Amino acid sequence: MTEQSEQQRDKLGFETRAIHAGYEPDPTTGAVIPPIFATSTYKQDGVGGLRGGYEYSRSANPTRTALEETMAALEQGARGFAFASGLAAEDTLIRAILKPGDHMIIPNDAYGGTFRLIDKVCVPWGIDYTTAQVSDESAVQAAIQPGRTKVVWVETPTNPLLNIGDIEALAALA
């Protein structure tokens, strides 16, 4: 999406973006709703010559592209990304912003899958973490390691104990 079209999109209301974002009417059929592409592979115009940018549906496909563009438009973001699971999204985010030696804070009652990802995958990769109760801002503040803490991971309500963290206050700490 060009910068100009992003600016035009951002002037539209949420409801307008919700019904128009992510898909232009199909030039062949005139369909105004994106079809579901059930294929697994796409014709290539030669080795490395992707037709329309698609090779295998698991890496990208027109249906997912429409979803990602719609999410970006609704959130007024530059890009949207769709994942097969929440943990896949978490892993991608963590690996994109942290590096070995960094520190993060996670809820003391983080979702079990999130905890295992951080404890069993991130720690061996060199990421340290401290747990803190997200409903206690002073506990989160105390867990921050200046110069090392790069992420304050907030789940609210937490799972399983349903603790409530003040996102705005915790963001100000971070």
Protein backbone atom coordinates (compact mmCIF):
# COMPACT_ATOMS: atom_id res chain seq x y z
CA MET A 1 0.00 0.00 0.00
CA THR A 2 1.39 3.40 -0.92
CA GLU A 3 1.82 6.19 1.62
CA GLN A 4 -0.84 8.22 -0.20
CA SER A 5 -3.39 5.39 -0.13
CA GLU A 6 -2.59 4.81 3.58
CA GLN A 7 -3.36 8.48 4.26
CA GLN A 8 -6.62 8.24 2.30
CA ARG A 9 -7.55 5.04 4.16
CA ASP A 10 -6.85 6.62 7.53
CA LYS A 11 -9.40 9.38 6.80
CA LEU A 12 -12.17 6.81 6.44
CA GLY A 13 -14.29 5.78 9.41
CA PHE A 14 -13.96 2.36 11.03
CA GLU A 15 -17.21 1.07 9.53
CA THR A 16 -16.16 2.12 6.03
CA ARG A 17 -12.75 0.51 6.43
CA ALA A 18 -14.43 -2.65 7.75
CA ILE A 19 -16.45 -3.21 4.60
CA HIS A 20 -13.99 -1.95 1.97
CA ALA A 21 -10.49 -2.78 3.19
CA GLY A 22 -8.39 -5.64 1.97
CA TYR A 23 -10.04 -6.44 -1.34
CA GLU A 24 -10.84 -4.79 -4.62
CA PRO A 25 -13.66 -6.26 -6.74
CA ASP A 26 -12.40 -9.14 -8.87
CA PRO A 27 -11.72 -7.80 -12.39
CA THR A 28 -12.86 -11.04 -14.03
CA THR A 29 -16.03 -11.86 -12.11
CA GLY A 30 -16.89 -8.60 -10.34
CA ALA A 31 -17.07 -10.43 -6.99
CA VAL A 32 -16.95 -7.92 -4.14
CA ILE A 33 -16.22 -10.49 -1.41
CA PRO A 34 -12.82 -12.21 -1.46
CA PRO A 35 -13.08 -15.86 -2.43
CA ILE A 36 -11.52 -18.59 -0.32
CA PHE A 37 -8.53 -20.01 -2.19
CA ALA A 38 -8.33 -23.70 -1.31
CA THR A 39 -5.33 -24.50 -3.49
CA SER A 40 -2.00 -25.52 -1.98
CA THR A 41 0.29 -24.46 -4.84
CA TYR A 42 0.36 -21.75 -7.49
CA LYS A 43 1.73 -21.75 -11.05
CA GLN A 44 5.15 -20.17 -11.29
CA ASP A 45 6.44 -18.30 -14.31
CA GLY A 46 9.84 -19.97 -13.89
CA VAL A 47 12.25 -20.86 -11.10
CA GLY A 48 11.76 -18.14 -8.50
CA GLY A 49 9.24 -16.38 -10.74
CA LEU A 50 6.17 -16.13 -8.55
CA ARG A 51 2.90 -15.30 -10.26
CA GLY A 52 1.16 -12.62 -8.23
CA GLY A 53 3.58 -13.21 -5.36
CA TYR A 54 2.26 -16.64 -4.41
CA GLU A 55 4.01 -20.01 -4.37
CA TYR A 56 2.49 -22.18 -1.61
CA SER A 57 -0.62 -21.40 0.42
CA ARG A 58 1.20 -22.12 3.67
CA SER A 59 3.51 -19.14 3.06
CA ALA A 60 1.00 -16.73 1.49
CA ASN A 61 -2.27 -16.80 -0.40
CA PRO A 62 -4.82 -14.24 -1.63
CA THR A 63 -7.32 -15.07 1.13
CA ARG A 64 -4.77 -14.42 3.87
CA THR A 65 -3.49 -11.31 2.08
CA ALA A 66 -7.03 -9.88 2.10
CA LEU A 67 -7.37 -10.66 5.83
CA GLU A 68 -4.01 -9.07 6.65
CA GLU A 69 -4.79 -5.93 4.63
CA THR A 70 -8.19 -5.65 6.32
CA MET A 71 -6.67 -5.98 9.80
CA ALA A 72 -4.07 -3.32 8.96
CA ALA A 73 -6.77 -0.97 7.70
CA LEU A 74 -9.01 -1.50 10.72
CA GLU A 75 -6.14 -0.90 13.14
CA GLN A 76 -4.70 1.89 10.95
CA GLY A 77 -1.40 0.02 10.81
CA ALA A 78 1.15 -0.25 8.05
CA ARG A 79 0.82 -4.06 7.87
CA GLY A 80 -1.22 -6.87 9.32
CA PHE A 81 -0.05 -10.42 9.91
CA ALA A 82 -2.21 -13.53 10.26
CA PHE A 83 -0.87 -16.58 12.08
CA ALA A 84 -2.13 -20.12 12.51
CA SER A 85 -2.06 -19.74 16.30
CA GLY A 86 -1.56 -17.19 19.03
CA LEU A 87 1.68 -18.87 20.07
CA ALA A 88 3.04 -18.56 16.54
CA ALA A 89 2.31 -14.83 16.71
CA GLU A 90 3.94 -14.58 20.15
CA ASP A 91 7.06 -16.44 19.02
CA THR A 92 7.42 -14.23 15.95
CA LEU A 93 7.02 -11.06 17.99
CA ILE A 94 9.51 -12.14 20.65
CA ARG A 95 12.13 -13.18 18.09
CA ALA A 96 11.65 -9.95 16.14
CA ILE A 97 12.25 -7.60 19.05
CA LEU A 98 14.48 -9.50 21.49
CA LYS A 99 18.00 -10.84 21.18
CA PRO A 100 20.10 -13.08 23.42
CA GLY A 101 20.99 -11.21 26.61
CA ASP A 102 17.70 -9.27 26.71
CA HIS A 103 15.24 -9.49 29.58
CA MET A 104 11.46 -9.53 29.65
CA ILE A 105 8.79 -9.43 32.33
CA ILE A 106 5.84 -11.80 32.12
CA PRO A 107 2.74 -12.19 34.29
CA ASN A 108 3.22 -14.49 37.27
CA ASP A 109 0.15 -16.34 36.02
CA ALA A 110 0.81 -16.13 32.28
CA TYR A 111 -1.09 -18.43 29.95
CA GLY A 112 0.58 -21.85 30.15
CA GLY A 113 1.50 -21.97 26.48
CA THR A 114 3.10 -18.54 26.70
CA PHE A 115 5.01 -19.52 29.84
CA ARG A 116 6.33 -22.71 28.21
CA LEU A 117 7.36 -20.81 25.06
CA ILE A 118 9.35 -18.32 27.11
CA ASP A 119 10.73 -20.81 29.65
CA LYS A 120 11.55 -23.70 27.29
CA VAL A 121 12.38 -21.89 24.03
CA CYS A 122 13.39 -18.31 24.82
CA VAL A 123 15.56 -19.07 27.87
CA PRO A 124 17.78 -21.56 25.97
CA TRP A 125 18.01 -18.90 23.22
CA GLY A 126 19.44 -16.48 25.82
CA ILE A 127 16.40 -14.45 26.87
CA ASP A 128 15.92 -13.96 30.62
CA TYR A 129 12.57 -13.31 32.25
CA THR A 130 11.12 -12.29 35.58
CA THR A 131 7.53 -12.87 36.64
CA ALA A 132 5.42 -10.14 38.22
CA GLN A 133 1.75 -9.73 39.03
CA VAL A 134 0.38 -7.41 36.34
CA SER A 135 -2.26 -6.03 38.70
CA ASP A 136 0.55 -4.71 40.95
CA GLU A 137 2.34 -1.86 39.16
CA SER A 138 5.02 -1.64 41.86
CA ALA A 139 5.84 -5.34 41.36
CA VAL A 140 6.24 -4.78 37.64
CA GLN A 141 8.37 -1.68 38.29
CA ALA A 142 10.59 -3.66 40.68
CA ALA A 143 11.11 -6.38 38.05
CA ILE A 144 12.43 -3.94 35.43
CA GLN A 145 16.17 -4.30 34.84
CA PRO A 146 17.35 -0.95 33.42
CA GLY A 147 19.13 -1.39 30.12
CA ARG A 148 18.12 -5.05 29.81
CA THR A 149 14.33 -5.20 30.04
CA LYS A 150 13.00 -4.82 26.52
CA VAL A 151 9.48 -6.25 26.94
CA VAL A 152 6.80 -6.04 29.60
CA TRP A 153 4.40 -8.79 28.54
CA VAL A 154 0.87 -8.00 29.68
CA GLU A 155 -2.10 -10.33 29.53
CA THR A 156 -5.27 -8.82 30.91
CA PRO A 157 -7.26 -10.45 32.19
CA THR A 158 -4.62 -13.07 32.88
CA ASN A 159 -5.25 -16.74 32.28
CA PRO A 160 -6.00 -18.60 34.51
CA LEU A 161 -6.41 -16.27 37.52
CA LEU A 162 -8.09 -13.33 35.74
CA ASN A 163 -5.86 -10.64 37.26
CA ILE A 164 -6.44 -7.25 35.67
CA GLY A 165 -3.52 -5.06 34.65
CA ASP A 166 -3.81 -1.36 33.88
CA ILE A 167 -2.42 -1.38 30.33
CA GLU A 168 -1.92 2.40 30.19
CA ALA A 169 -0.06 2.48 33.52
CA LEU A 170 2.08 -0.55 32.64
CA ALA A 171 2.92 0.95 29.25
CA ALA A 172 4.06 4.12 31.00
CA LEU A 173 6.41 2.01 33.15
CA ALA A 174 7.83 0.26 30.13
